[in-house]
């Protein structure tokens, strides 16, 4: 608890005017809000997330003074965690056996993504072996940057590649889902009840899940405690039937807005030519990832009870929070989608380092002989 309180106090200190770039963050929010509003008017998919993401990425590209400091992400991540947990219904336990074929497909999908993307970054992009390996792993941005840097890779390139992966997948996947699934993610779609229609007791349940979840995530030493902790507590509350509270539409839209702003602002401080090069390279890897996603989703759909759209969202390596928000907007199997992304990120996190070590030893043996 002392460590948690220390983190809280440290976060408050980072909000001091001398340390927090309020003007740059306000500009980022304003641009993100403008982008979201324009995307709503154009009836484009996930307008508040995609609009803010596009506008803030462009702002970073032309060196506008925007910023989204890391301290703002944990509170919004906790909100998203509670939102995702609220999608776990009492009948989710009975559905778990139906997930076995899709989880087996997920493992094969990850292997295929890793092999194809690592080869792409090595042969086409010309990255060194370490940077190519950790850039090509399908998930875990922070973990891949950390381990990749420890192994001698270029941490900045790895971070930019994964940021661009999330950016491009999130920007393209909603349109693919609309086309394949015949559904709409346009600005008129309601993500949940209005905050004015939500009873205050429901809001208290959601707030309590967020606070308790952060504490539980800290106690259990979860790798993404601000997301997985609140999600776990909220899921338990909703699966056991203690509460059926749903996140208000305004909160869902605000979460999309903040998420889009933070993704777009990840490119701030990087030279425009580097951003453009990484984005161009990432177009190729994104095409590979989306092709594999669609292929595996179609194949597994033939062998399971799940449809193409939930499987596309569950397999697509576009980020747990981002893909789950798309599923939330679609009102389609959010628990299924979120669970598969948690497993994907976990498997990548625990296996990437050891697999790289095995490959390194295998390559050194022939050289020694």
Protein backbone atom coordinates (compact mmCIF):
# COMPACT_ATOMS: atom_id res chain seq x y z
CA UNK A 1 0.00 0.00 0.00
CA UNK A 2 2.92 2.35 0.71
CA UNK A 3 4.22 1.86 -2.82
CA UNK A 4 0.76 2.51 -4.24
CA UNK A 5 0.39 5.69 -2.20
CA UNK A 6 3.87 6.70 -3.32
CA UNK A 7 2.86 6.22 -6.96
CA UNK A 8 -0.28 8.31 -6.36
CA UNK A 9 1.69 11.13 -4.74
CA UNK A 10 4.28 10.94 -7.51
CA UNK A 11 1.51 11.23 -10.08
CA UNK A 12 0.12 14.31 -8.34
CA UNK A 13 3.57 15.89 -8.37
CA UNK A 14 3.79 15.33 -12.12
CA UNK A 15 0.61 17.38 -12.48
CA UNK A 16 2.31 20.45 -11.00
CA UNK A 17 2.33 23.40 -13.45
CA UNK A 18 6.13 23.35 -13.50
CA UNK A 19 6.21 19.73 -14.71
CA UNK A 20 3.01 19.15 -16.69
CA UNK A 21 2.70 20.76 -20.18
CA UNK A 22 -0.88 21.96 -19.74
CA UNK A 23 -0.89 24.19 -22.83
CA UNK A 24 0.48 21.48 -25.12
CA UNK A 25 -1.94 18.92 -23.67
CA UNK A 26 -4.87 21.35 -24.06
CA UNK A 27 -3.91 21.87 -27.71
CA UNK A 28 -3.74 18.09 -28.22
CA UNK A 29 -7.19 17.68 -26.66
CA UNK A 30 -8.58 20.52 -28.76
CA UNK A 31 -7.19 19.04 -31.96
CA UNK A 32 -8.36 15.58 -30.93
CA UNK A 33 -11.83 16.88 -30.13
CA UNK A 34 -11.98 18.68 -33.48
CA UNK A 35 -10.89 15.52 -35.28
CA UNK A 36 -13.45 13.46 -33.41
CA UNK A 37 -16.26 15.93 -34.17
CA UNK A 38 -15.35 16.02 -37.87
CA UNK A 39 -15.27 12.21 -38.01
CA UNK A 40 -18.70 12.15 -36.34
CA UNK A 41 -20.06 14.52 -38.98
CA UNK A 42 -18.56 12.35 -41.72
CA UNK A 43 -20.07 9.23 -40.06
CA UNK A 44 -16.70 7.48 -40.03
CA UNK A 45 -15.97 4.45 -37.81
CA UNK A 46 -15.04 5.02 -34.14
CA UNK A 47 -14.97 8.79 -34.72
CA UNK A 48 -13.67 9.96 -31.33
CA UNK A 49 -10.71 7.58 -31.31
CA UNK A 50 -9.79 7.67 -35.00
CA UNK A 51 -10.39 11.39 -35.41
CA UNK A 52 -8.25 12.37 -32.42
CA UNK A 53 -5.58 9.89 -33.44
CA UNK A 54 -5.30 11.18 -37.01
CA UNK A 55 -5.25 14.86 -36.00
CA UNK A 56 -2.67 14.39 -33.24
CA UNK A 57 -0.44 12.23 -35.45
CA UNK A 58 -0.52 14.94 -38.12
CA UNK A 59 0.22 17.57 -35.45
CA UNK A 60 3.28 15.57 -34.35
CA UNK A 61 4.37 15.22 -37.96
CA UNK A 62 4.37 18.99 -38.56
CA UNK A 63 5.91 19.72 -35.13
CA UNK A 64 2.94 21.46 -33.52
CA UNK A 65 3.37 21.93 -29.74
CA UNK A 66 1.19 19.01 -28.59
CA UNK A 67 1.82 16.51 -25.80
CA UNK A 68 0.09 13.71 -23.92
CA UNK A 69 2.28 12.95 -20.88
CA UNK A 70 2.33 9.38 -19.57
CA UNK A 71 0.72 10.44 -16.27
CA UNK A 72 -2.68 10.92 -17.95
CA UNK A 73 -2.86 7.37 -19.31
CA UNK A 74 -3.25 5.34 -16.05
CA UNK A 75 -6.55 6.96 -14.92
CA UNK A 76 -8.09 6.58 -18.38
CA UNK A 77 -6.70 3.06 -18.64
CA UNK A 78 -8.48 2.20 -15.37
CA UNK A 79 -11.73 3.59 -16.81
CA UNK A 80 -11.29 1.41 -19.89
CA UNK A 81 -10.55 -1.60 -17.67
CA UNK A 82 -13.82 -1.09 -15.77
CA UNK A 83 -15.68 -0.68 -19.06
CA UNK A 84 -14.27 -3.93 -20.42
CA UNK A 85 -14.99 -5.81 -17.20
CA UNK A 86 -18.60 -4.64 -17.34
CA UNK A 87 -18.98 -6.62 -20.56
CA UNK A 88 -18.41 -9.93 -18.75
CA UNK A 89 -21.89 -11.37 -18.20
CA UNK A 90 -22.92 -14.22 -15.84
CA UNK A 91 -23.14 -16.64 -18.78
CA UNK A 92 -19.52 -16.05 -19.83
CA UNK A 93 -18.28 -19.00 -17.73
CA UNK A 94 -20.45 -21.43 -19.68
CA UNK A 95 -18.92 -20.13 -22.92
CA UNK A 96 -15.30 -20.86 -21.95
CA UNK A 97 -15.17 -24.38 -23.52
CA UNK A 98 -16.14 -22.79 -26.86
CA UNK A 99 -12.95 -20.71 -26.68
CA UNK A 100 -10.56 -23.68 -26.90
CA UNK A 101 -10.45 -23.86 -30.74
CA UNK A 102 -10.06 -20.09 -31.01
CA UNK A 103 -7.23 -20.03 -28.45
CA UNK A 104 -5.42 -22.79 -30.34
CA UNK A 105 -5.85 -20.73 -33.50
CA UNK A 106 -4.52 -17.68 -31.65
CA UNK A 107 -1.24 -19.46 -30.82
CA UNK A 108 -0.74 -20.50 -34.45
CA UNK A 109 -1.68 -17.00 -35.58
CA UNK A 110 0.97 -15.46 -33.30
CA UNK A 111 3.66 -17.79 -34.63
CA UNK A 112 2.74 -16.90 -38.21
CA UNK A 113 2.74 -13.16 -37.43
CA UNK A 114 6.11 -13.36 -35.72
CA UNK A 115 7.77 -15.31 -38.53
CA UNK A 116 6.40 -13.09 -41.29
CA UNK A 117 6.95 -9.71 -39.60
CA UNK A 118 10.43 -10.46 -38.27
CA UNK A 119 11.48 -11.62 -41.75
CA UNK A 120 9.92 -8.48 -43.25
CA UNK A 121 11.77 -6.10 -40.92
CA UNK A 122 15.02 -8.02 -41.41
CA UNK A 123 14.97 -8.40 -45.20
CA UNK A 124 12.91 -5.42 -46.41
CA UNK A 125 13.53 -2.78 -43.73
CA UNK A 126 17.15 -3.86 -43.19
CA UNK A 127 16.94 -3.76 -39.38
CA UNK A 128 19.58 -5.52 -37.33
CA UNK A 129 18.50 -8.96 -36.00
CA UNK A 130 17.61 -7.73 -32.50
CA UNK A 131 15.59 -4.71 -33.64
CA UNK A 132 13.84 -6.77 -36.33
CA UNK A 133 12.89 -9.52 -33.86
CA UNK A 134 11.38 -7.30 -31.19
CA UNK A 135 9.75 -5.02 -33.78
CA UNK A 136 8.06 -8.01 -35.38
CA UNK A 137 6.59 -9.56 -32.24
CA UNK A 138 2.77 -9.10 -32.29
CA UNK A 139 2.16 -7.20 -29.06
CA UNK A 140 3.45 -5.82 -25.78
CA UNK A 141 4.90 -2.42 -26.76
CA UNK A 142 6.46 -1.61 -23.39
CA UNK A 143 7.76 -5.14 -22.85
CA UNK A 144 9.22 -5.40 -26.37
CA UNK A 145 10.96 -2.04 -26.04
CA UNK A 146 12.38 -2.93 -22.62
CA UNK A 147 13.63 -6.42 -23.53
CA UNK A 148 14.74 -5.36 -27.00
CA UNK A 149 16.88 -2.58 -25.56
CA UNK A 150 18.41 -4.98 -23.03
CA UNK A 151 19.37 -7.32 -25.90
CA UNK A 152 21.02 -4.48 -27.83
CA UNK A 153 18.23 -3.38 -30.18
CA UNK A 154 17.26 0.17 -31.15
CA UNK A 155 14.63 1.03 -28.53
CA UNK A 156 13.38 4.11 -30.38
CA UNK A 157 12.75 2.20 -33.63
CA UNK A 158 11.06 -0.68 -31.77
CA UNK A 159 8.78 1.78 -29.94
CA UNK A 160 7.93 3.65 -33.14
CA UNK A 161 7.21 0.44 -35.08
CA UNK A 162 4.81 -0.83 -32.41
CA UNK A 163 3.17 2.59 -32.10
CA UNK A 164 2.74 2.70 -35.87
CA UNK A 165 1.37 -0.87 -35.84
CA UNK A 166 -1.34 0.11 -33.37
CA UNK A 167 -2.03 3.35 -35.24
CA UNK A 168 -2.41 1.73 -38.66
CA UNK A 169 -4.34 -1.33 -37.49
CA UNK A 170 -6.79 0.80 -35.50
CA UNK A 171 -7.18 3.18 -38.45
CA UNK A 172 -7.93 0.45 -40.99
CA UNK A 173 -9.66 -2.36 -39.09
CA UNK A 174 -12.99 -0.57 -38.40
CA UNK A 175 -13.47 -0.05 -42.14
CA UNK A 176 -12.70 -3.73 -42.78
CA UNK A 177 -15.17 -4.76 -40.08
CA UNK A 178 -17.84 -2.53 -41.62
CA UNK A 179 -17.21 -4.02 -45.05
CA UNK A 180 -17.05 -7.69 -44.01
CA UNK A 181 -19.62 -7.67 -41.21
CA UNK A 182 -22.13 -5.32 -42.77
CA UNK A 183 -22.27 -3.34 -39.53
CA UNK A 184 -21.85 0.36 -38.85
CA UNK A 185 -19.42 2.02 -36.50
CA UNK A 186 -20.39 5.51 -37.58
CA UNK A 187 -20.79 8.55 -35.38
CA UNK A 188 -24.49 7.98 -34.81
CA UNK A 189 -23.99 4.64 -33.11
CA UNK A 190 -24.70 4.74 -29.38
CA UNK A 191 -22.03 3.00 -27.30
CA UNK A 192 -24.11 2.78 -24.13
CA UNK A 193 -26.72 4.57 -22.01
CA UNK A 194 -26.39 8.31 -21.50
CA UNK A 195 -24.86 9.45 -18.23
CA UNK A 196 -28.16 11.24 -17.53
CA UNK A 197 -29.99 7.89 -17.74
CA UNK A 198 -27.55 6.02 -15.51
CA UNK A 199 -28.53 5.74 -11.82
CA UNK A 200 -25.98 7.17 -9.38
CA UNK A 201 -25.64 3.77 -7.67
CA UNK A 202 -24.40 2.28 -10.95
CA UNK A 203 -21.79 4.98 -11.28
CA UNK A 204 -20.64 4.28 -7.71
CA UNK A 205 -20.21 0.60 -8.60
CA UNK A 206 -18.07 1.51 -11.59
CA UNK A 207 -15.94 3.97 -9.58
CA UNK A 208 -15.51 1.41 -6.80
CA UNK A 209 -14.41 -1.24 -9.31
CA UNK A 210 -11.78 1.16 -10.66
CA UNK A 211 -10.29 2.03 -7.27
CA UNK A 212 -10.41 -1.56 -5.97
CA UNK A 213 -9.01 -2.83 -9.27
CA UNK A 214 -5.94 -0.62 -9.12
CA UNK A 215 -5.24 -1.87 -5.58
CA UNK A 216 -5.76 -5.51 -6.59
CA UNK A 217 -3.59 -5.06 -9.68
CA UNK A 218 -0.83 -3.65 -7.50
CA UNK A 219 -1.09 -6.46 -4.94
CA UNK A 220 -1.03 -9.15 -7.64
CA UNK A 221 1.82 -7.37 -9.46
CA UNK A 222 -0.04 -7.48 -12.76
CA UNK A 223 1.98 -6.31 -15.78
CA UNK A 224 -0.69 -3.75 -16.71
CA UNK A 225 -2.24 -3.15 -13.31
CA UNK A 226 -4.20 -0.02 -14.25
CA UNK A 227 -5.99 -1.94 -17.02
CA UNK A 228 -6.14 -5.57 -15.89
CA UNK A 229 -6.82 -4.87 -12.18
CA UNK A 230 -10.00 -2.80 -12.73
CA UNK A 231 -11.02 -5.16 -15.52
CA UNK A 232 -10.67 -8.19 -13.21
CA UNK A 233 -12.66 -6.61 -10.35
CA UNK A 234 -15.34 -5.28 -12.70
CA UNK A 235 -15.61 -8.69 -14.40
CA UNK A 236 -16.06 -10.45 -11.05
CA UNK A 237 -18.74 -7.95 -10.00
CA UNK A 238 -20.66 -8.39 -13.27
CA UNK A 239 -20.21 -12.16 -13.66
CA UNK A 240 -21.48 -12.77 -10.12
CA UNK A 241 -24.45 -10.48 -10.74
CA UNK A 242 -23.58 -7.97 -8.01
CA UNK A 243 -24.08 -5.20 -10.54
CA UNK A 244 -25.23 -4.85 -14.12
CA UNK A 245 -24.00 -1.27 -14.47
CA UNK A 246 -22.90 -0.29 -17.97
CA UNK A 247 -20.49 2.54 -18.77
CA UNK A 248 -22.26 5.71 -19.99
CA UNK A 249 -21.83 6.64 -23.65
CA UNK A 250 -20.11 9.92 -22.68
CA UNK A 251 -17.44 8.00 -20.73
CA UNK A 252 -16.90 5.60 -23.65
CA UNK A 253 -16.45 8.54 -26.02
CA UNK A 254 -14.08 10.30 -23.61
CA UNK A 255 -12.01 7.11 -23.33
CA UNK A 256 -11.79 6.92 -27.11
CA UNK A 257 -10.75 10.57 -27.31
CA UNK A 258 -7.97 10.28 -24.72
CA UNK A 259 -6.73 7.01 -26.22
CA UNK A 260 -6.57 8.52 -29.69
CA UNK A 261 -4.71 11.59 -28.39
CA UNK A 262 -2.12 9.49 -26.53
CA UNK A 263 -1.49 7.24 -29.56
CA UNK A 264 -1.06 10.20 -31.89
CA UNK A 265 1.22 12.06 -29.49
CA UNK A 266 3.59 9.08 -29.20
CA UNK A 267 5.34 10.45 -32.28
CA UNK A 268 6.03 13.86 -30.72
CA UNK A 269 9.74 14.73 -30.61
CA UNK A 270 10.69 12.42 -33.48
CA UNK A 271 12.04 13.84 -36.72
CA UNK A 272 9.33 13.90 -39.44
CA UNK A 273 11.52 11.92 -41.86
CA UNK A 274 11.86 9.13 -39.30
CA UNK A 275 8.11 9.13 -38.63
CA UNK A 276 7.39 8.92 -42.36
CA UNK A 277 9.93 6.11 -42.86
CA UNK A 278 8.53 4.10 -39.95
CA UNK A 279 4.95 4.65 -41.14
CA UNK A 280 5.85 3.54 -44.68
CA UNK A 281 7.60 0.43 -43.36
CA UNK A 282 4.68 -0.26 -41.05
CA UNK A 283 2.25 -0.15 -43.96
CA UNK A 284 3.91 -3.31 -45.27
CA UNK A 285 3.84 -5.08 -41.90
CA UNK A 286 0.23 -3.97 -41.33
CA UNK A 287 -0.82 -5.49 -44.66
CA UNK A 288 0.84 -8.75 -43.56
CA UNK A 289 -0.84 -8.65 -40.14
CA UNK A 290 -4.29 -7.86 -41.50
CA UNK A 291 -4.01 -10.54 -44.18
CA UNK A 292 -3.08 -13.11 -41.54
CA UNK A 293 -5.86 -11.83 -39.26
CA UNK A 294 -8.51 -12.22 -41.94
CA UNK A 295 -7.16 -15.60 -43.03
CA UNK A 296 -7.05 -17.08 -39.54
CA UNK A 297 -10.41 -15.55 -38.61
CA UNK A 298 -12.03 -17.15 -41.66
CA UNK A 299 -10.39 -20.53 -40.98
CA UNK A 300 -11.19 -20.63 -37.25
CA UNK A 301 -14.76 -19.47 -37.91
CA UNK A 302 -15.26 -22.71 -39.85
CA UNK A 303 -14.11 -24.73 -36.83
CA UNK A 304 -15.81 -22.85 -33.99
CA UNK A 305 -19.13 -21.31 -32.99
CA UNK A 306 -17.81 -17.75 -33.30
CA UNK A 307 -18.42 -15.46 -36.25
CA UNK A 308 -15.92 -13.65 -38.42
CA UNK A 309 -16.23 -10.20 -36.81
CA UNK A 310 -15.50 -11.27 -33.19
CA UNK A 311 -12.58 -13.40 -34.41
CA UNK A 312 -11.15 -10.55 -36.50
CA UNK A 313 -11.24 -8.28 -33.43
CA UNK A 314 -9.86 -11.01 -31.15
CA UNK A 315 -6.89 -11.82 -33.40
CA UNK A 316 -6.02 -8.40 -34.78
CA UNK A 317 -2.83 -7.17 -33.02
CA UNK A 318 -4.01 -3.60 -32.65
CA UNK A 319 -3.90 -3.31 -28.86
CA UNK A 320 -6.09 -4.70 -26.09
CA UNK A 321 -7.79 -1.42 -25.19
CA UNK A 322 -8.25 -0.33 -28.81
CA UNK A 323 -9.70 -3.59 -30.13
CA UNK A 324 -11.89 -4.00 -27.06
CA UNK A 325 -13.28 -0.50 -27.54
CA UNK A 326 -14.22 -1.42 -31.11
CA UNK A 327 -15.95 -4.55 -29.81
CA UNK A 328 -17.69 -2.42 -27.18
CA UNK A 329 -18.93 -0.03 -29.85
CA UNK A 330 -20.24 -3.02 -31.81
CA UNK A 331 -21.84 -4.60 -28.73
CA UNK A 332 -20.20 -7.86 -29.78
CA UNK A 333 -18.52 -10.39 -27.45
CA UNK A 334 -16.27 -7.92 -25.65
CA UNK A 335 -15.24 -10.51 -23.04
CA UNK A 336 -14.19 -12.90 -25.82
CA UNK A 337 -12.17 -10.21 -27.62
CA UNK A 338 -10.53 -8.85 -24.45
CA UNK A 339 -9.60 -12.31 -23.15
CA UNK A 340 -7.86 -13.25 -26.39
CA UNK A 341 -5.85 -10.02 -26.41
CA UNK A 342 -4.80 -10.49 -22.78
CA UNK A 343 -3.58 -13.99 -23.61
CA UNK A 344 -1.79 -12.74 -26.74
CA UNK A 345 0.05 -9.99 -24.89
CA UNK A 346 0.91 -12.34 -22.02
CA UNK A 347 2.28 -15.04 -24.32
CA UNK A 348 4.38 -12.54 -26.27
CA UNK A 349 5.65 -10.97 -23.06
CA UNK A 350 6.81 -14.26 -21.49
CA UNK A 351 8.08 -15.98 -24.63
CA UNK A 352 9.81 -13.30 -26.75
CA UNK A 353 12.96 -13.07 -24.61
CA UNK A 354 13.54 -16.85 -24.22
CA UNK A 355 12.80 -17.52 -27.92
CA UNK A 356 15.28 -14.83 -28.96
CA UNK A 357 17.86 -16.41 -26.65
CA UNK A 358 17.32 -19.84 -28.23
CA UNK A 359 17.63 -18.40 -31.73
CA UNK A 360 20.82 -16.58 -30.74
CA UNK A 361 22.39 -19.74 -29.34
CA UNK A 362 21.35 -21.75 -32.41
CA UNK A 363 22.98 -19.16 -34.69
CA UNK A 364 26.19 -19.06 -32.64
CA UNK A 365 26.75 -22.84 -32.71
CA UNK A 366 27.21 -23.15 -36.50
CA UNK A 367 29.47 -20.10 -36.45
CA UNK A 368 31.64 -21.67 -33.75
CA UNK A 369 31.88 -24.93 -35.72
